[in-house]
Structures are given as C-alpha cells and as structure tokens.
Amino acid sequence: MTNGVRVELAGRNVLIQGVHLGGADTDMMAGIDGPKIDPAEVVKASLAGVESGLIEVLVDDPARFVKTALGGDAAQLYR
C-alpha cells in the first residue's frame, strides 16, 4: 500500500515514508510478551528519516530481519 501511494503521488513533492518495527511498548501491545521498543525511539527514527528524505525506516532488528528475508525464499519467514 505504501509503495502504491508513493507511486501515485510521485512528482508532487510528497514524502511517503514506511516505518517498520517489530513491536513498540504501547497499550495495544501490553499483553504481548517479547522485546518492544520505546515509542519515542520510533518517532526519533522516523523524524530522522524525514530529515534525510528516506522513503523507508527500519527501526529495529526484527524489521531489518523481515526486510532482508523478503528478498529471499518466502518460506524462511515461516520456520
């Protein structure tokens, strides 16, 4: 969806940024066990990406793992 909107708005000087992360320590994730990043870190990463003109920000290791795995065999995501 992000890429579709990005293509649709290409040439209009609009930055469409995808922000990817594993999990953030929010009320919505309160019942989920596992590592969670501080939401303030997500905001900092996103704003740094805006300043740099990045179209994609990979905030944490889980996001980087998934991004790397998407270029390979999809079966690796479902071990």
PDB file of N, CA and C in Angstrom:
ATOM      1  N   MET A   1       0.821  -1.178   0.000  1.00  0.00           N
ATOM      2  CA  MET A   1       0.000   0.000   0.000  1.00  0.00           C
ATOM      3  C   MET A   1       0.875   1.255   0.000  1.00  0.00           C
ATOM      4  N   THR A   2       1.914   1.229   0.838  1.00  0.00           N
ATOM      5  CA  THR A   2       2.806   2.386   0.907  1.00  0.00           C
ATOM      6  C   THR A   2       3.429   2.669  -0.449  1.00  0.00           C
ATOM      7  N   ASN A   3       3.898   1.621  -1.108  1.00  0.00           N
ATOM      8  CA  ASN A   3       4.504   1.817  -2.432  1.00  0.00           C
ATOM      9  C   ASN A   3       3.484   2.322  -3.443  1.00  0.00           C
ATOM     10  N   GLY A   4       2.260   1.847  -3.364  1.00  0.00           N
ATOM     11  CA  GLY A   4       1.220   2.304  -4.282  1.00  0.00           C
ATOM     12  C   GLY A   4       0.925   3.785  -4.123  1.00  0.00           C
ATOM     13  N   VAL A   5       0.817   4.229  -2.879  1.00  0.00           N
ATOM     14  CA  VAL A   5       0.578   5.653  -2.616  1.00  0.00           C
ATOM     15  C   VAL A   5       1.787   6.473  -3.053  1.00  0.00           C
ATOM     16  N   ARG A   6       2.982   5.949  -2.798  1.00  0.00           N
ATOM     17  CA  ARG A   6       4.204   6.635  -3.203  1.00  0.00           C
ATOM     18  C   ARG A   6       4.232   6.847  -4.717  1.00  0.00           C
ATOM     19  N   VAL A   7       3.882   5.817  -5.469  1.00  0.00           N
ATOM     20  CA  VAL A   7       3.855   5.920  -6.930  1.00  0.00           C
ATOM     21  C   VAL A   7       2.785   6.907  -7.375  1.00  0.00           C
ATOM     22  N   GLU A   8       1.616   6.832  -6.738  1.00  0.00           N
ATOM     23  CA  GLU A   8       0.519   7.726  -7.102  1.00  0.00           C
ATOM     24  C   GLU A   8       0.883   9.197  -6.882  1.00  0.00           C
ATOM     25  N   LEU A   9       1.645   9.482  -5.834  1.00  0.00           N
ATOM     26  CA  LEU A   9       1.987  10.867  -5.511  1.00  0.00           C
ATOM     27  C   LEU A   9       3.356  11.295  -6.030  1.00  0.00           C
ATOM     28  N   ALA A  10       4.001  10.433  -6.788  1.00  0.00           N
ATOM     29  CA  ALA A  10       5.318  10.773  -7.336  1.00  0.00           C
ATOM     30  C   ALA A  10       5.225  12.071  -8.137  1.00  0.00           C
ATOM     31  N   GLY A  11       6.206  12.907  -7.963  1.00  0.00           N
ATOM     32  CA  GLY A  11       6.233  14.166  -8.690  1.00  0.00           C
ATOM     33  C   GLY A  11       5.478  15.295  -8.022  1.00  0.00           C
ATOM     34  N   ARG A  12       4.866  15.045  -6.865  1.00  0.00           N
ATOM     35  CA  ARG A  12       4.101  16.094  -6.167  1.00  0.00           C
ATOM     36  C   ARG A  12       4.822  16.627  -4.926  1.00  0.00           C
ATOM     37  N   ASN A  13       6.085  16.266  -4.780  1.00  0.00           N
ATOM     38  CA  ASN A  13       6.887  16.719  -3.645  1.00  0.00           C
ATOM     39  C   ASN A  13       6.296  16.286  -2.303  1.00  0.00           C
ATOM     40  N   VAL A  14       5.792  15.053  -2.264  1.00  0.00           N
ATOM     41  CA  VAL A  14       5.224  14.482  -1.044  1.00  0.00           C
ATOM     42  C   VAL A  14       6.076  13.277  -0.659  1.00  0.00           C
ATOM     43  N   LEU A  15       6.581  13.273   0.577  1.00  0.00           N
ATOM     44  CA  LEU A  15       7.352  12.135   1.055  1.00  0.00           C
ATOM     45  C   LEU A  15       6.406  11.133   1.704  1.00  0.00           C
ATOM     46  N   ILE A  16       6.389   9.929   1.159  1.00  0.00           N
ATOM     47  CA  ILE A  16       5.636   8.827   1.760  1.00  0.00           C
ATOM     48  C   ILE A  16       6.675   7.913   2.384  1.00  0.00           C
ATOM     49  N   GLN A  17       6.663   7.833   3.701  1.00  0.00           N
ATOM     50  CA  GLN A  17       7.676   7.076   4.419  1.00  0.00           C
ATOM     51  C   GLN A  17       7.047   5.862   5.095  1.00  0.00           C
ATOM     52  N   GLY A  18       7.610   4.699   4.826  1.00  0.00           N
ATOM     53  CA  GLY A  18       7.217   3.492   5.530  1.00  0.00           C
ATOM     54  C   GLY A  18       8.086   3.334   6.762  1.00  0.00           C
ATOM     55  N   VAL A  19       7.476   3.184   7.923  1.00  0.00           N
ATOM     56  CA  VAL A  19       8.212   2.994   9.181  1.00  0.00           C
ATOM     57  C   VAL A  19       7.906   1.581   9.663  1.00  0.00           C
ATOM     58  N   HIS A  20       8.949   0.767   9.767  1.00  0.00           N
ATOM     59  CA  HIS A  20       8.766  -0.646  10.094  1.00  0.00           C
ATOM     60  C   HIS A  20       9.450  -0.980  11.417  1.00  0.00           C
ATOM     61  N   LEU A  21       8.759  -1.744  12.250  1.00  0.00           N
ATOM     62  CA  LEU A  21       9.321  -2.175  13.522  1.00  0.00           C
ATOM     63  C   LEU A  21       8.658  -3.466  13.961  1.00  0.00           C
ATOM     64  N   GLY A  22       9.322  -4.135  14.877  1.00  0.00           N
ATOM     65  CA  GLY A  22       8.762  -5.380  15.410  1.00  0.00           C
ATOM     66  C   GLY A  22       7.600  -5.106  16.346  1.00  0.00           C
ATOM     67  N   GLY A  23       7.849  -4.409  17.412  1.00  0.00           N
ATOM     68  CA  GLY A  23       6.807  -4.089  18.381  1.00  0.00           C
ATOM     69  C   GLY A  23       7.225  -2.907  19.232  1.00  0.00           C
ATOM     70  N   ALA A  24       6.259  -2.100  19.603  1.00  0.00           N
ATOM     71  CA  ALA A  24       6.524  -0.936  20.451  1.00  0.00           C
ATOM     72  C   ALA A  24       5.801  -1.118  21.782  1.00  0.00           C
ATOM     73  N   ASP A  25       6.368  -0.548  22.805  1.00  0.00           N
ATOM     74  CA  ASP A  25       5.809  -0.655  24.155  1.00  0.00           C
ATOM     75  C   ASP A  25       4.632   0.312  24.297  1.00  0.00           C
ATOM     76  N   THR A  26       3.479  -0.112  23.771  1.00  0.00           N
ATOM     77  CA  THR A  26       2.262   0.702  23.787  1.00  0.00           C
ATOM     78  C   THR A  26       1.142  -0.085  24.468  1.00  0.00           C
ATOM     79  N   ASP A  27       0.042   0.584  24.744  1.00  0.00           N
ATOM     80  CA  ASP A  27      -1.119  -0.090  25.338  1.00  0.00           C
ATOM     81  C   ASP A  27      -1.592  -1.246  24.459  1.00  0.00           C
ATOM     82  N   MET A  28      -1.533  -1.069  23.152  1.00  0.00           N
ATOM     83  CA  MET A  28      -2.002  -2.094  22.227  1.00  0.00           C
ATOM     84  C   MET A  28      -1.173  -3.375  22.339  1.00  0.00           C
ATOM     85  N   MET A  29       0.105  -3.242  22.706  1.00  0.00           N
ATOM     86  CA  MET A  29       0.999  -4.397  22.809  1.00  0.00           C
ATOM     87  C   MET A  29       1.181  -4.865  24.252  1.00  0.00           C
ATOM     88  N   ALA A  30       0.405  -4.341  25.176  1.00  0.00           N
ATOM     89  CA  ALA A  30       0.593  -4.620  26.604  1.00  0.00           C
ATOM     90  C   ALA A  30       0.525  -6.108  26.926  1.00  0.00           C
ATOM     91  N   GLY A  31      -0.313  -6.858  26.279  1.00  0.00           N
ATOM     92  CA  GLY A  31      -0.472  -8.279  26.578  1.00  0.00           C
ATOM     93  C   GLY A  31       0.455  -9.189  25.802  1.00  0.00           C
ATOM     94  N   ILE A  32       1.353  -8.630  25.041  1.00  0.00           N
ATOM     95  CA  ILE A  32       2.254  -9.413  24.191  1.00  0.00           C
ATOM     96  C   ILE A  32       3.625  -9.500  24.853  1.00  0.00           C
ATOM     97  N   ASP A  33       4.123 -10.722  25.022  1.00  0.00           N
ATOM     98  CA  ASP A  33       5.472 -10.905  25.546  1.00  0.00           C
ATOM     99  C   ASP A  33       6.476 -10.746  24.420  1.00  0.00           C
ATOM    100  N   GLY A  34       7.653 -10.334  24.771  1.00  0.00           N
ATOM    101  CA  GLY A  34       8.719 -10.197  23.785  1.00  0.00           C
ATOM    102  C   GLY A  34       9.299  -8.806  23.799  1.00  0.00           C
ATOM    103  N   PRO A  35      10.364  -8.634  23.049  1.00  0.00           N
ATOM    104  CA  PRO A  35      11.028  -7.332  23.030  1.00  0.00           C
ATOM    105  C   PRO A  35      10.150  -6.255  22.388  1.00  0.00           C
ATOM    106  N   LYS A  36      10.176  -5.091  22.992  1.00  0.00           N
ATOM    107  CA  LYS A  36       9.410  -3.952  22.476  1.00  0.00           C
ATOM    108  C   LYS A  36      10.284  -2.711  22.563  1.00  0.00           C
ATOM    109  N   ILE A  37      10.208  -1.895  21.557  1.00  0.00           N
ATOM    110  CA  ILE A  37      10.984  -0.665  21.517  1.00  0.00           C
ATOM    111  C   ILE A  37      10.170   0.475  22.125  1.00  0.00           C
ATOM    112  N   ASP A  38      10.850   1.429  22.702  1.00  0.00           N
ATOM    113  CA  ASP A  38      10.211   2.625  23.249  1.00  0.00           C
ATOM    114  C   ASP A  38       9.596   3.419  22.088  1.00  0.00           C
ATOM    115  N   PRO A  39       8.319   3.782  22.166  1.00  0.00           N
ATOM    116  CA  PRO A  39       7.688   4.536  21.081  1.00  0.00           C
ATOM    117  C   PRO A  39       8.435   5.825  20.732  1.00  0.00           C
ATOM    118  N   ALA A  40       9.088   6.431  21.703  1.00  0.00           N
ATOM    119  CA  ALA A  40       9.860   7.649  21.426  1.00  0.00           C
ATOM    120  C   ALA A  40      10.991   7.360  20.445  1.00  0.00           C
ATOM    121  N   GLU A  41      11.554   6.148  20.498  1.00  0.00           N
ATOM    122  CA  GLU A  41      12.615   5.775  19.566  1.00  0.00           C
ATOM    123  C   GLU A  41      12.073   5.640  18.144  1.00  0.00           C
ATOM    124  N   VAL A  42      10.840   5.183  18.025  1.00  0.00           N
ATOM    125  CA  VAL A  42      10.204   5.080  16.709  1.00  0.00           C
ATOM    126  C   VAL A  42      10.027   6.480  16.109  1.00  0.00           C
ATOM    127  N   VAL A  43       9.561   7.396  16.925  1.00  0.00           N
ATOM    128  CA  VAL A  43       9.369   8.778  16.470  1.00  0.00           C
ATOM    129  C   VAL A  43      10.701   9.390  16.056  1.00  0.00           C
ATOM    130  N   LYS A  44      11.735   9.212  16.888  1.00  0.00           N
ATOM    131  CA  LYS A  44      13.054   9.764  16.556  1.00  0.00           C
ATOM    132  C   LYS A  44      13.569   9.208  15.237  1.00  0.00           C
ATOM    133  N   ALA A  45      13.428   7.900  15.044  1.00  0.00           N
ATOM    134  CA  ALA A  45      13.899   7.270  13.809  1.00  0.00           C
ATOM    135  C   ALA A  45      13.125   7.791  12.596  1.00  0.00           C
ATOM    136  N   SER A  46      11.822   7.929  12.754  1.00  0.00           N
ATOM    137  CA  SER A  46      11.001   8.424  11.650  1.00  0.00           C
ATOM    138  C   SER A  46      11.364   9.862  11.295  1.00  0.00           C
ATOM    139  N   LEU A  47      11.492  10.718  12.294  1.00  0.00           N
ATOM    140  CA  LEU A  47      11.832  12.122  12.021  1.00  0.00           C
ATOM    141  C   LEU A  47      13.226  12.256  11.423  1.00  0.00           C
ATOM    142  N   ALA A  48      14.167  11.435  11.873  1.00  0.00           N
ATOM    143  CA  ALA A  48      15.498  11.438  11.270  1.00  0.00           C
ATOM    144  C   ALA A  48      15.400  11.017   9.802  1.00  0.00           C
ATOM    145  N   GLY A  49      14.519  10.064   9.535  1.00  0.00           N
ATOM    146  CA  GLY A  49      14.295   9.634   8.153  1.00  0.00           C
ATOM    147  C   GLY A  49      13.682  10.729   7.301  1.00  0.00           C
ATOM    148  N   VAL A  50      12.752  11.484   7.870  1.00  0.00           N
ATOM    149  CA  VAL A  50      12.149  12.601   7.137  1.00  0.00           C
ATOM    150  C   VAL A  50      13.230  13.630   6.801  1.00  0.00           C
ATOM    151  N   GLU A  51      14.061  13.959   7.796  1.00  0.00           N
ATOM    152  CA  GLU A  51      15.131  14.927   7.564  1.00  0.00           C
ATOM    153  C   GLU A  51      16.093  14.466   6.474  1.00  0.00           C
ATOM    154  N   SER A  52      16.287  13.147   6.372  1.00  0.00           N
ATOM    155  CA  SER A  52      17.201  12.592   5.374  1.00  0.00           C
ATOM    156  C   SER A  52      16.504  12.268   4.054  1.00  0.00           C
ATOM    157  N   GLY A  53      15.189  12.415   4.018  1.00  0.00           N
ATOM    158  CA  GLY A  53      14.445  12.109   2.802  1.00  0.00           C
ATOM    159  C   GLY A  53      14.282  10.625   2.539  1.00  0.00           C
ATOM    160  N   LEU A  54      14.382   9.802   3.586  1.00  0.00           N
ATOM    161  CA  LEU A  54      14.260   8.353   3.418  1.00  0.00           C
ATOM    162  C   LEU A  54      12.811   7.948   3.166  1.00  0.00           C
ATOM    163  N   ILE A  55      12.636   7.025   2.250  1.00  0.00           N
ATOM    164  CA  ILE A  55      11.278   6.530   1.985  1.00  0.00           C
ATOM    165  C   ILE A  55      10.944   5.328   2.860  1.00  0.00           C
ATOM    166  N   GLU A  56      11.954   4.790   3.535  1.00  0.00           N
ATOM    167  CA  GLU A  56      11.725   3.631   4.384  1.00  0.00           C
ATOM    168  C   GLU A  56      12.661   3.703   5.589  1.00  0.00           C
ATOM    169  N   VAL A  57      12.118   3.448   6.781  1.00  0.00           N
ATOM    170  CA  VAL A  57      12.904   3.433   8.013  1.00  0.00           C
ATOM    171  C   VAL A  57      12.691   2.086   8.689  1.00  0.00           C
ATOM    172  N   LEU A  58      13.785   1.390   8.918  1.00  0.00           N
ATOM    173  CA  LEU A  58      13.755   0.113   9.621  1.00  0.00           C
ATOM    174  C   LEU A  58      14.244   0.390  11.033  1.00  0.00           C
ATOM    175  N   VAL A  59      13.315   0.416  11.989  1.00  0.00           N
ATOM    176  CA  VAL A  59      13.601   0.917  13.323  1.00  0.00           C
ATOM    177  C   VAL A  59      14.400  -0.058  14.182  1.00  0.00           C
ATOM    178  N   ASP A  60      14.139  -1.361  14.043  1.00  0.00           N
ATOM    179  CA  ASP A  60      14.772  -2.319  14.951  1.00  0.00           C
ATOM    180  C   ASP A  60      15.207  -3.579  14.216  1.00  0.00           C
ATOM    181  N   ASP A  61      15.845  -4.479  14.954  1.00  0.00           N
ATOM    182  CA  ASP A  61      16.347  -5.714  14.355  1.00  0.00           C
ATOM    183  C   ASP A  61      15.250  -6.586  13.743  1.00  0.00           C
ATOM    184  N   PRO A  62      14.091  -6.759  14.394  1.00  0.00           N
ATOM    185  CA  PRO A  62      13.048  -7.558  13.738  1.00  0.00           C
ATOM    186  C   PRO A  62      12.640  -6.992  12.371  1.00  0.00           C
ATOM    187  N   ALA A  63      12.553  -5.684  12.266  1.00  0.00           N
ATOM    188  CA  ALA A  63      12.195  -5.071  10.980  1.00  0.00           C
ATOM    189  C   ALA A  63      13.285  -5.313   9.944  1.00  0.00           C
ATOM    190  N   ARG A  64      14.547  -5.203  10.359  1.00  0.00           N
ATOM    191  CA  ARG A  64      15.657  -5.439   9.433  1.00  0.00           C
ATOM    192  C   ARG A  64      15.690  -6.903   8.992  1.00  0.00           C
ATOM    193  N   PHE A  65      15.387  -7.829   9.910  1.00  0.00           N
ATOM    194  CA  PHE A  65      15.347  -9.248   9.557  1.00  0.00           C
ATOM    195  C   PHE A  65      14.286  -9.517   8.495  1.00  0.00           C
ATOM    196  N   VAL A  66      13.081  -9.001   8.723  1.00  0.00           N
ATOM    197  CA  VAL A  66      11.987  -9.235   7.771  1.00  0.00           C
ATOM    198  C   VAL A  66      12.326  -8.625   6.417  1.00  0.00           C
ATOM    199  N   LYS A  67      12.873  -7.408   6.408  1.00  0.00           N
ATOM    200  CA  LYS A  67      13.233  -6.759   5.145  1.00  0.00           C
ATOM    201  C   LYS A  67      14.240  -7.601   4.373  1.00  0.00           C
ATOM    202  N   THR A  68      15.239  -8.110   5.067  1.00  0.00           N
ATOM    203  CA  THR A  68      16.249  -8.957   4.423  1.00  0.00           C
ATOM    204  C   THR A  68      15.624 -10.244   3.913  1.00  0.00           C
ATOM    205  N   ALA A  69      14.758 -10.848   4.714  1.00  0.00           N
ATOM    206  CA  ALA A  69      14.144 -12.122   4.342  1.00  0.00           C
ATOM    207  C   ALA A  69      13.195 -11.984   3.163  1.00  0.00           C
ATOM    208  N   LEU A  70      12.597 -10.822   2.980  1.00  0.00           N
ATOM    209  CA  LEU A  70      11.651 -10.642   1.873  1.00  0.00           C
ATOM    210  C   LEU A  70      12.323 -10.770   0.515  1.00  0.00           C
ATOM    211  N   GLY A  71      13.629 -10.539   0.464  1.00  0.00           N
ATOM    212  CA  GLY A  71      14.345 -10.681  -0.800  1.00  0.00           C
ATOM    213  C   GLY A  71      14.671 -12.117  -1.133  1.00  0.00           C
ATOM    214  N   GLY A  72      14.430 -13.024  -0.210  1.00  0.00           N
ATOM    215  CA  GLY A  72      14.758 -14.424  -0.416  1.00  0.00           C
ATOM    216  C   GLY A  72      13.520 -15.292  -0.531  1.00  0.00           C
ATOM    217  N   ASP A  73      13.679 -16.523  -0.150  1.00  0.00           N
ATOM    218  CA  ASP A  73      12.603 -17.503  -0.182  1.00  0.00           C
ATOM    219  C   ASP A  73      11.579 -17.176   0.903  1.00  0.00           C
ATOM    220  N   ALA A  74      10.323 -16.985   0.546  1.00  0.00           N
ATOM    221  CA  ALA A  74       9.279 -16.627   1.498  1.00  0.00           C
ATOM    222  C   ALA A  74       9.106 -17.680   2.598  1.00  0.00           C
ATOM    223  N   ALA A  75       9.475 -18.922   2.322  1.00  0.00           N
ATOM    224  CA  ALA A  75       9.356 -19.983   3.311  1.00  0.00           C
ATOM    225  C   ALA A  75      10.222 -19.711   4.540  1.00  0.00           C
ATOM    226  N   GLN A  76      11.297 -18.929   4.378  1.00  0.00           N
ATOM    227  CA  GLN A  76      12.161 -18.607   5.519  1.00  0.00           C
ATOM    228  C   GLN A  76      11.422 -17.812   6.598  1.00  0.00           C
ATOM    229  N   LEU A  77      10.385 -17.113   6.218  1.00  0.00           N
ATOM    230  CA  LEU A  77       9.620 -16.326   7.185  1.00  0.00           C
ATOM    231  C   LEU A  77       8.753 -17.201   8.078  1.00  0.00           C
ATOM    232  N   TYR A  78       8.530 -18.449   7.698  1.00  0.00           N
ATOM    233  CA  TYR A  78       7.606 -19.336   8.413  1.00  0.00           C
ATOM    234  C   TYR A  78       8.313 -20.578   8.937  1.00  0.00           C
ATOM    235  N   ARG A  79       9.464 -20.388   9.561  1.00  0.00           N
ATOM    236  CA  ARG A  79      10.245 -21.548  10.070  1.00  0.00           C
ATOM    237  C   ARG A  79       9.504 -22.312  11.113  1.00  0.00           C
TER     238      ARG A  79
END
